[in-house]
Protein backbone atom coordinates (compact mmCIF):
# COMPACT_ATOMS: atom_id res chain seq x y z
CA UNK A 1 204.39 135.39 -22.91
CA UNK A 2 202.11 135.63 -20.08
CA UNK A 3 199.47 137.49 -18.83
CA UNK A 4 201.95 139.10 -16.13
CA UNK A 5 204.61 139.60 -18.35
CA UNK A 6 201.97 141.22 -20.70
CA UNK A 7 201.01 143.55 -18.35
CA UNK A 8 204.46 144.58 -16.91
CA UNK A 9 205.61 145.48 -20.55
CA UNK A 10 202.41 147.32 -20.92
CA UNK A 11 203.09 149.27 -17.69
CA UNK A 12 207.31 150.03 -19.38
CA UNK A 13 205.53 150.87 -22.48
CA UNK A 14 203.73 153.46 -20.76
CA UNK A 15 206.06 154.60 -18.61
CA UNK A 16 208.22 155.45 -21.09
CA UNK A 17 205.79 156.71 -24.15
CA UNK A 18 205.25 159.15 -20.88
CA UNK A 19 209.22 159.68 -20.82
CA UNK A 20 208.80 160.68 -24.78
CA UNK A 21 205.94 163.12 -24.46
CA UNK A 22 207.81 164.71 -21.30
CA UNK A 23 210.81 165.46 -23.68
CA UNK A 24 208.29 166.40 -26.13
CA UNK A 25 206.89 169.01 -24.05
CA UNK A 26 209.48 170.34 -23.55
CA UNK A 27 210.82 170.55 -26.10
CA UNK A 28 208.39 172.84 -27.52
CA UNK A 29 208.44 174.90 -24.63
CA UNK A 30 212.09 175.68 -25.28
CA UNK A 31 211.33 176.44 -28.23
CA UNK A 32 208.66 178.73 -27.93
CA UNK A 33 210.98 180.56 -24.96
CA UNK A 34 213.84 180.58 -27.35
CA UNK A 35 210.83 182.03 -30.48
CA UNK A 36 209.79 184.83 -27.55
CA UNK A 37 213.27 185.73 -26.39
CA UNK A 38 215.53 185.59 -30.17
CA UNK A 39 215.87 189.41 -31.37
CA UNK A 40 216.85 188.26 -34.92
CA UNK A 41 213.04 187.14 -36.23
CA UNK A 42 213.22 188.75 -39.50
CA UNK A 43 216.72 189.07 -40.39
CA UNK A 44 217.09 184.77 -41.21
CA UNK A 45 214.67 184.38 -43.71
CA UNK A 46 215.82 181.88 -46.33
CA UNK A 47 216.31 178.93 -45.43
CA UNK A 48 213.87 178.56 -42.39
CA UNK A 49 215.41 175.50 -40.45
CA UNK A 50 218.10 177.22 -39.36
CA UNK A 51 216.75 179.07 -36.98
CA UNK A 52 216.91 176.94 -33.99
CA UNK A 53 213.37 177.44 -32.42
CA UNK A 54 211.35 176.23 -35.34
CA UNK A 55 212.33 173.74 -35.50
CA UNK A 56 212.55 172.83 -32.05
CA UNK A 57 208.61 173.81 -32.14
CA UNK A 58 207.65 171.90 -35.21
CA UNK A 59 209.82 168.21 -33.70
CA UNK A 60 208.46 168.73 -30.17
CA UNK A 61 204.67 169.04 -31.36
CA UNK A 62 205.52 166.06 -33.36
CA UNK A 63 206.65 163.89 -31.19
CA UNK A 64 203.85 164.97 -27.99
CA UNK A 65 200.88 164.09 -30.50
CA UNK A 66 202.19 160.25 -31.71
CA UNK A 67 204.12 159.31 -28.52
CA UNK A 68 199.92 159.48 -26.74
CA UNK A 69 198.89 158.05 -29.30
CA UNK A 70 201.82 155.12 -28.10
CA UNK A 71 199.95 155.66 -24.27
CA UNK A 72 196.52 155.04 -25.55
CA UNK A 73 197.14 152.23 -27.77
CA UNK A 74 199.22 149.98 -24.76
CA UNK A 75 196.61 151.54 -21.75
CA UNK A 76 193.62 150.48 -23.91
CA UNK A 77 196.26 147.19 -25.19
CA UNK A 78 194.98 148.75 -28.95
CA UNK A 79 196.55 146.45 -32.08
CA UNK A 80 195.28 149.72 -34.55
CA UNK A 81 196.47 152.24 -32.38
CA UNK A 82 200.09 150.92 -31.23
CA UNK A 83 200.53 150.07 -35.08
CA UNK A 84 199.79 153.43 -36.17
CA UNK A 85 201.82 154.21 -33.61
CA UNK A 86 205.17 152.34 -34.63
CA UNK A 87 205.15 153.71 -38.16
CA UNK A 88 204.32 157.24 -37.13
CA UNK A 89 207.59 156.80 -34.71
CA UNK A 90 209.33 154.99 -37.45
CA UNK A 91 208.31 157.68 -39.88
CA UNK A 92 209.55 160.66 -37.59
CA UNK A 93 212.81 159.15 -36.67
CA UNK A 94 213.75 158.96 -40.10
CA UNK A 95 212.79 162.61 -40.62
CA UNK A 96 215.03 163.83 -37.34
CA UNK A 97 217.72 161.49 -39.05
CA UNK A 98 217.39 162.86 -42.57
CA UNK A 99 217.26 166.76 -41.02
CA UNK A 100 220.93 165.69 -39.80
CA UNK A 101 222.36 164.06 -42.55
CA UNK A 102 220.98 167.59 -43.83
CA UNK A 103 222.34 170.01 -41.94
CA UNK A 104 225.93 167.97 -41.79
CA UNK A 105 226.26 168.04 -45.52
CA UNK A 106 225.18 171.69 -46.38
CA UNK A 107 226.65 173.25 -43.33
CA UNK A 108 229.11 175.59 -45.71
CA UNK A 109 225.40 176.44 -48.04
CA UNK A 110 224.05 177.27 -44.90
CA UNK A 111 226.17 179.88 -43.64
CA UNK A 112 226.21 181.15 -47.02
CA UNK A 113 222.43 181.73 -46.51
CA UNK A 114 222.76 184.05 -42.98
CA UNK A 115 225.23 185.54 -43.96
CA UNK A 116 223.29 187.15 -47.62
CA UNK A 117 220.76 187.33 -45.54
CA UNK A 118 222.52 189.49 -42.77
CA UNK A 119 223.64 191.98 -45.86
CA UNK A 120 220.39 192.23 -47.22
CA UNK A 121 219.07 192.85 -43.74
CA UNK A 122 221.97 195.75 -43.56
CA UNK A 123 220.52 197.13 -46.54
CA UNK A 124 217.01 197.32 -46.17
CA UNK A 125 218.37 199.38 -42.61
CA UNK A 126 220.80 202.13 -44.71
CA UNK A 127 218.43 202.46 -47.24
CA UNK A 128 215.05 202.20 -45.76
CA UNK A 129 213.20 206.41 -44.18
CA UNK A 130 213.49 207.15 -41.07
CA UNK A 131 210.13 205.36 -40.02
CA UNK A 132 210.09 201.78 -42.62
CA UNK A 133 211.37 198.56 -41.92
CA UNK A 134 211.44 199.33 -38.07
CA UNK A 135 211.01 195.47 -37.35
CA UNK A 136 214.04 194.74 -39.06
CA UNK A 137 215.83 197.66 -38.10
CA UNK A 138 215.09 197.12 -34.14
CA UNK A 139 216.38 192.95 -34.72
CA UNK A 140 219.31 194.61 -35.90
CA UNK A 141 219.88 196.92 -33.72
CA UNK A 142 219.58 194.52 -30.82
CA UNK A 143 221.57 192.24 -32.39
CA UNK A 144 223.84 194.80 -32.14
CA UNK A 145 223.63 195.71 -28.58
CA UNK A 146 223.17 192.08 -27.53
CA UNK A 147 226.64 190.52 -29.11
CA UNK A 148 228.61 193.89 -29.13
CA UNK A 149 229.63 193.91 -32.89
CA UNK A 150 228.72 196.22 -35.70
CA UNK A 151 227.60 195.86 -38.96
CA UNK A 152 227.49 191.74 -40.91
CA UNK A 153 231.44 192.04 -41.28
CA UNK A 154 232.68 195.77 -39.27
CA UNK A 155 231.53 199.24 -39.38
CA UNK A 156 232.75 199.95 -42.90
CA UNK A 157 229.39 198.00 -43.65
CA UNK A 158 227.36 200.95 -42.58
CA UNK A 159 229.61 203.34 -45.20
CA UNK A 160 229.33 206.14 -42.51
CA UNK A 161 225.48 205.54 -41.08
CA UNK A 162 226.64 203.75 -38.18
CA UNK A 163 223.85 204.00 -36.08
CA UNK A 164 223.82 204.47 -32.39
CA UNK A 165 223.77 200.77 -31.27
CA UNK A 166 227.47 199.63 -32.51
CA UNK A 167 228.41 202.51 -29.89
CA UNK A 168 230.85 201.07 -27.12
CA UNK A 169 229.66 202.73 -23.71
CA UNK A 170 226.40 202.37 -22.67
CA UNK A 171 224.68 204.93 -22.56
CA UNK A 172 226.29 206.67 -25.98
CA UNK A 173 226.66 209.62 -25.29
CA UNK A 174 230.42 210.89 -26.97
CA UNK A 175 230.37 212.49 -30.28
CA UNK A 176 231.56 210.96 -32.74
CA UNK A 177 231.40 207.03 -30.45
CA UNK A 178 233.88 204.38 -30.38
CA UNK A 179 231.83 201.67 -32.19
CA UNK A 180 232.55 197.27 -31.88
CA UNK A 181 234.94 196.39 -34.69
CA UNK A 182 234.12 192.67 -35.27
CA UNK A 183 230.60 192.30 -37.71
CA UNK A 184 227.81 190.43 -36.57
CA UNK A 185 228.77 187.03 -38.84
CA UNK A 186 231.15 185.47 -36.94
CA UNK A 187 229.23 186.54 -33.32
CA UNK A 188 225.71 185.35 -34.85
CA UNK A 189 227.49 181.98 -36.82
CA UNK A 190 229.13 181.17 -33.00
CA UNK A 191 225.58 181.58 -31.24
CA UNK A 192 223.70 180.09 -34.02
CA UNK A 193 227.07 176.63 -33.86
CA UNK A 194 226.47 176.66 -30.01
CA UNK A 195 222.34 176.75 -29.92
CA UNK A 196 222.44 174.13 -32.76
CA UNK A 197 225.04 171.50 -30.39
CA UNK A 198 222.56 171.91 -26.98
CA UNK A 199 219.39 170.69 -30.04
CA UNK A 200 221.86 168.08 -31.16
CA UNK A 201 222.33 167.25 -28.12
CA UNK A 202 218.24 167.28 -26.89
CA UNK A 203 217.51 165.55 -30.52
CA UNK A 204 219.77 162.25 -29.44
CA UNK A 205 218.96 161.69 -26.25
CA UNK A 206 214.60 161.86 -27.59
CA UNK A 207 215.84 160.03 -30.76
CA UNK A 208 217.23 156.98 -28.25
CA UNK A 209 213.99 157.07 -26.18
CA UNK A 210 211.84 156.73 -29.25
CA UNK A 211 214.16 153.64 -30.73
CA UNK A 212 213.90 151.62 -26.84
CA UNK A 213 209.90 152.85 -27.47
CA UNK A 214 209.90 150.31 -30.86
CA UNK A 215 211.81 148.03 -29.25
CA UNK A 216 208.60 148.13 -26.61
CA UNK A 217 205.80 148.26 -28.70
CA UNK A 218 206.59 145.57 -30.87
CA UNK A 219 206.68 142.17 -28.91
CA UNK A 220 203.32 143.62 -26.91
CA UNK A 221 201.75 143.86 -30.25
CA UNK A 222 202.73 140.03 -31.66
CA UNK A 223 201.57 139.23 -27.47
CA UNK A 224 197.99 140.86 -28.60
CA UNK A 225 198.32 139.17 -32.39
CA UNK A 226 198.59 135.60 -30.63
CA UNK A 227 195.38 136.05 -28.39
CA UNK A 228 193.13 137.46 -31.19
CA UNK A 229 193.23 141.12 -28.74
CA UNK A 230 193.48 144.61 -29.53
CA UNK A 231 190.49 145.54 -31.83
CA UNK A 232 187.72 145.17 -29.12
């Protein structure tokens, strides 16, 4: 490989790694946006990874750090940085595949965790004093209001102590008020499924870019090795 081809390969690697870095930064920003606008953080605690925002933030942060290392390695033609980038990115891709397999294989178990957490939160809400467990109360009220649902499986879950957030009318001024009949479990599960579909599409795109980056890292590293360059 002559110097011109090596320079073109290096420029292409820097460009691809920069695109990968931008994707990682966007994933982090999107995850933070979801965290700020989600109203159910205290309701789902048994299985942390099912909270999409957490997965996005953690994955995006790791991707940005690893891709930054790849950019530096390509620009400085440093073999140590390039091989470190290759190993870290390869491990990251394996972790992404493993997470995808976990969600695919344990899909029903995750839904069970989800349902039990909602039932636990509802019981805490029902048996809490007026000023107790305010975070869970606020989150559950927000879910019922935003998703137009009531209880976990329906209005009967409240056993006659239905909160005003279940009311169909807004503002709710009738006594007794008419409540939503559909439970929040199905609506939230469908909402999570939609979000996971969007997240999966983004992860697949990012995975393809990462794979291309790996493919271009190998020939540049081999070129530097043959020329005995890259450790200065």
